[in-house]
N, C-alpha and C. Protein backbone atom coordinates (compact mmCIF):
# COMPACT_ATOMS: atom_id res chain seq x y z
N UNK A 1 -21.51 12.43 -4.75
CA UNK A 1 -20.87 12.87 -3.53
C UNK A 1 -19.36 13.08 -3.81
N UNK A 2 -18.83 14.19 -3.33
CA UNK A 2 -17.44 14.49 -3.59
C UNK A 2 -16.55 13.61 -2.72
N UNK A 3 -15.35 13.33 -3.27
CA UNK A 3 -14.38 12.55 -2.52
C UNK A 3 -13.78 13.46 -1.41
N UNK A 4 -13.84 13.00 -0.14
CA UNK A 4 -13.29 13.84 0.93
C UNK A 4 -11.77 14.02 0.87
N UNK A 5 -11.07 13.11 0.14
CA UNK A 5 -9.64 13.19 0.05
C UNK A 5 -9.19 14.01 -1.18
N UNK A 6 -10.15 14.50 -1.90
CA UNK A 6 -9.78 15.29 -3.11
C UNK A 6 -9.01 16.54 -2.69
N UNK A 7 -7.96 16.83 -3.42
CA UNK A 7 -7.14 17.99 -3.15
C UNK A 7 -5.95 17.69 -2.23
N UNK A 8 -5.95 16.51 -1.61
CA UNK A 8 -4.82 16.10 -0.76
C UNK A 8 -3.94 15.15 -1.53
N UNK A 9 -2.63 15.19 -1.27
CA UNK A 9 -1.75 14.23 -1.92
C UNK A 9 -2.09 12.81 -1.43
N UNK A 10 -1.82 11.80 -2.28
CA UNK A 10 -2.11 10.41 -1.88
C UNK A 10 -1.27 10.05 -0.66
N UNK A 11 -1.87 9.25 0.18
CA UNK A 11 -1.17 8.81 1.38
C UNK A 11 -0.53 7.44 1.13
N UNK A 12 0.68 7.32 1.53
CA UNK A 12 1.45 6.10 1.31
C UNK A 12 1.75 5.42 2.65
N UNK A 13 1.75 4.11 2.66
CA UNK A 13 2.09 3.34 3.83
C UNK A 13 3.27 2.46 3.52
N UNK A 14 4.18 2.28 4.48
CA UNK A 14 5.30 1.37 4.34
C UNK A 14 4.74 -0.03 4.57
N UNK A 15 5.54 -1.06 4.34
CA UNK A 15 5.11 -2.46 4.40
C UNK A 15 4.46 -2.80 5.72
N UNK A 16 5.12 -2.48 6.87
CA UNK A 16 4.48 -2.88 8.17
C UNK A 16 3.11 -2.29 8.40
N UNK A 17 2.96 -1.01 8.08
CA UNK A 17 1.67 -0.32 8.23
C UNK A 17 0.64 -0.84 7.26
N UNK A 18 1.08 -1.13 6.03
CA UNK A 18 0.13 -1.70 5.04
C UNK A 18 -0.32 -3.08 5.45
N UNK A 19 0.61 -3.87 6.01
CA UNK A 19 0.23 -5.21 6.46
C UNK A 19 -0.80 -5.12 7.59
N UNK A 20 -0.60 -4.23 8.58
CA UNK A 20 -1.53 -4.05 9.65
C UNK A 20 -2.90 -3.61 9.12
N UNK A 21 -2.88 -2.70 8.13
CA UNK A 21 -4.11 -2.20 7.54
C UNK A 21 -4.89 -3.31 6.87
N UNK A 22 -4.22 -4.28 6.26
CA UNK A 22 -4.86 -5.36 5.56
C UNK A 22 -5.09 -6.57 6.45
N UNK A 23 -4.53 -6.56 7.63
CA UNK A 23 -4.69 -7.70 8.53
C UNK A 23 -3.79 -8.88 8.08
N UNK A 24 -2.65 -8.60 7.47
CA UNK A 24 -1.70 -9.58 7.01
C UNK A 24 -0.39 -9.39 7.74
N UNK A 25 0.51 -10.34 7.52
CA UNK A 25 1.85 -10.13 8.01
C UNK A 25 2.70 -9.39 6.96
N UNK A 26 3.77 -8.74 7.41
CA UNK A 26 4.63 -8.10 6.46
C UNK A 26 5.23 -9.05 5.47
N UNK A 27 5.57 -10.25 5.94
CA UNK A 27 6.17 -11.29 5.09
C UNK A 27 5.23 -11.67 4.00
N UNK A 28 3.91 -11.73 4.28
CA UNK A 28 2.92 -12.09 3.24
C UNK A 28 2.92 -11.03 2.16
N UNK A 29 3.00 -9.76 2.50
CA UNK A 29 3.08 -8.70 1.48
C UNK A 29 4.36 -8.84 0.67
N UNK A 30 5.44 -9.19 1.31
CA UNK A 30 6.71 -9.38 0.60
C UNK A 30 6.61 -10.50 -0.42
N UNK A 31 5.95 -11.57 -0.03
CA UNK A 31 5.76 -12.73 -0.93
C UNK A 31 4.86 -12.30 -2.11
N UNK A 32 3.83 -11.51 -1.85
CA UNK A 32 2.97 -11.03 -2.94
C UNK A 32 3.77 -10.21 -3.96
N UNK A 33 4.69 -9.36 -3.44
CA UNK A 33 5.55 -8.57 -4.32
C UNK A 33 6.41 -9.47 -5.15
N UNK A 34 6.96 -10.52 -4.55
CA UNK A 34 7.85 -11.45 -5.28
C UNK A 34 7.11 -12.17 -6.39
N UNK A 35 5.88 -12.59 -6.11
CA UNK A 35 5.10 -13.37 -7.08
C UNK A 35 4.28 -12.51 -8.04
N UNK A 36 4.33 -11.18 -7.81
CA UNK A 36 3.58 -10.31 -8.72
C UNK A 36 2.09 -10.28 -8.44
N UNK A 37 1.69 -10.65 -7.26
CA UNK A 37 0.26 -10.64 -6.87
C UNK A 37 0.09 -9.57 -5.77
N UNK A 38 -1.13 -9.44 -5.29
CA UNK A 38 -1.35 -8.47 -4.21
C UNK A 38 -1.50 -7.07 -4.65
N UNK A 39 -1.51 -6.17 -3.73
CA UNK A 39 -1.72 -4.73 -4.07
C UNK A 39 -0.56 -4.15 -4.79
N UNK A 40 -0.86 -3.12 -5.59
CA UNK A 40 0.19 -2.41 -6.34
C UNK A 40 1.06 -1.64 -5.37
N UNK A 41 2.34 -1.55 -5.67
CA UNK A 41 3.28 -0.86 -4.79
C UNK A 41 4.18 0.02 -5.63
N UNK A 42 4.87 0.91 -4.99
CA UNK A 42 5.83 1.79 -5.63
C UNK A 42 7.09 1.84 -4.78
N UNK A 43 8.13 2.31 -5.39
CA UNK A 43 9.34 2.54 -4.58
C UNK A 43 9.66 4.04 -4.63
N UNK A 44 9.83 4.57 -3.44
CA UNK A 44 10.17 6.01 -3.30
C UNK A 44 11.49 6.02 -2.53
N UNK A 45 12.54 6.43 -3.20
CA UNK A 45 13.84 6.50 -2.54
C UNK A 45 14.34 5.18 -2.12
N UNK A 46 13.99 4.10 -2.81
CA UNK A 46 14.42 2.77 -2.51
C UNK A 46 13.54 2.05 -1.48
N UNK A 47 12.53 2.77 -0.99
CA UNK A 47 11.61 2.19 -0.01
C UNK A 47 10.30 1.75 -0.67
N UNK A 48 9.81 0.60 -0.33
CA UNK A 48 8.56 0.07 -0.86
C UNK A 48 7.41 0.79 -0.11
N UNK A 49 6.47 1.37 -0.84
CA UNK A 49 5.32 2.02 -0.24
C UNK A 49 4.07 1.58 -0.99
N UNK A 50 2.98 1.58 -0.29
CA UNK A 50 1.63 1.27 -0.85
C UNK A 50 0.76 2.49 -0.70
N UNK A 51 0.04 2.84 -1.80
CA UNK A 51 -0.91 3.93 -1.74
C UNK A 51 -2.14 3.43 -0.98
N UNK A 52 -2.66 4.24 -0.11
CA UNK A 52 -3.80 3.88 0.69
C UNK A 52 -5.00 3.51 -0.22
N UNK A 53 -5.15 4.23 -1.31
CA UNK A 53 -6.25 3.91 -2.21
C UNK A 53 -6.15 2.56 -2.84
N UNK A 54 -4.90 2.11 -3.13
CA UNK A 54 -4.68 0.75 -3.68
C UNK A 54 -5.00 -0.31 -2.65
N UNK A 55 -4.70 -0.06 -1.41
CA UNK A 55 -5.00 -1.01 -0.34
C UNK A 55 -6.50 -1.13 -0.09
N UNK A 56 -7.21 -0.04 -0.25
CA UNK A 56 -8.65 -0.03 -0.03
C UNK A 56 -9.35 -0.77 -1.13
N UNK A 57 -8.78 -0.79 -2.34
CA UNK A 57 -9.40 -1.46 -3.48
C UNK A 57 -9.17 -2.91 -3.38
């Protein structure tokens, strides 16, 4: 079965949206970044973003 998101750019969420998506607090995600655990994140223009695909995994 083909991926329905194929051909679209990856979708990124900022920390508050990612936390809501995962059912966590934003502070919990910040702690995970500090300790090197949790979902993979990137920085775009100095802002922390999470790829939707990384959050789903």
